[in-house]
Amino acid sequence: INGVECGGRGTCNCGVCECLEGWQGESCQCPTTNELCIAPGSSDVCGNHGYCDCGQC
């Protein structure tokens, strides 16, 4: 991401990113939490109309 190995959210070990806690994905680009997929005032992920993938419904 932007020329920074593992998006600045992990370390590269033999060409594979080892993500810091709270991050996942090939380049550590995805948060591990579903927080970005929950509307304010709700507790439903994606309004119960789908699933959360990399912080998007």
Protein backbone atom coordinates (compact mmCIF):
# COMPACT_ATOMS: atom_id res chain seq x y z
CA ILE A 1 0.00 0.00 0.00
CA ASN A 2 1.54 3.28 -1.13
CA GLY A 3 4.94 1.58 -1.44
CA VAL A 4 5.03 0.58 2.23
CA GLU A 5 5.46 -3.13 2.90
CA CYS A 6 2.38 -4.64 4.52
CA GLY A 7 0.69 -1.24 4.53
CA GLY A 8 2.68 -0.19 7.57
CA ARG A 9 0.50 -2.56 9.62
CA GLY A 10 2.76 -5.59 9.75
CA THR A 11 6.13 -7.03 8.83
CA CYS A 12 7.18 -8.86 5.69
CA ASN A 13 8.69 -12.30 6.30
CA CYS A 14 9.87 -14.15 3.16
CA GLY A 15 7.37 -12.26 1.01
CA VAL A 16 4.41 -12.87 3.34
CA CYS A 17 2.92 -10.18 5.58
CA GLU A 18 2.61 -10.92 9.27
CA CYS A 19 -0.03 -8.43 10.36
CA LEU A 20 -0.15 -6.50 13.60
CA GLU A 21 -3.03 -7.19 15.96
CA GLY A 22 -6.26 -5.74 14.59
CA TRP A 23 -5.30 -6.18 10.92
CA GLN A 24 -5.57 -8.99 8.36
CA GLY A 25 -5.34 -9.61 4.63
CA GLU A 26 -2.59 -10.16 2.10
CA SER A 27 -1.20 -6.67 2.71
CA CYS A 28 -2.65 -6.14 6.21
CA GLN A 29 -5.21 -3.84 4.58
CA CYS A 30 -8.34 -5.10 6.38
CA PRO A 31 -9.40 -4.42 9.96
CA THR A 32 -10.29 -7.56 11.93
CA THR A 33 -13.29 -5.81 13.50
CA ASN A 34 -16.71 -5.37 11.89
CA GLU A 35 -17.00 -1.87 13.40
CA LEU A 36 -16.96 -0.13 10.00
CA CYS A 37 -19.94 -2.26 8.90
CA ILE A 38 -22.26 -1.26 11.75
CA ALA A 39 -24.39 1.86 11.34
CA PRO A 40 -24.45 4.39 14.20
CA GLY A 41 -27.15 3.47 16.71
CA SER A 42 -27.33 -0.12 15.47
CA SER A 43 -25.76 -3.39 16.52
CA ASP A 44 -26.46 -5.21 13.25
CA VAL A 45 -23.57 -5.93 10.90
CA CYS A 46 -24.51 -4.57 7.47
CA GLY A 47 -28.09 -4.08 8.68
CA ASN A 48 -28.53 -7.87 8.54
CA HIS A 49 -28.45 -7.62 4.72
CA GLY A 50 -25.04 -9.11 4.00
CA TYR A 51 -21.64 -9.64 5.48
CA CYS A 52 -18.66 -7.46 6.30
CA ASP A 53 -15.59 -7.94 4.13
CA CYS A 54 -12.57 -5.76 4.76
CA GLY A 55 -14.67 -3.06 6.43
CA GLN A 56 -17.31 -2.92 3.68
CA CYS A 57 -20.77 -4.45 3.41
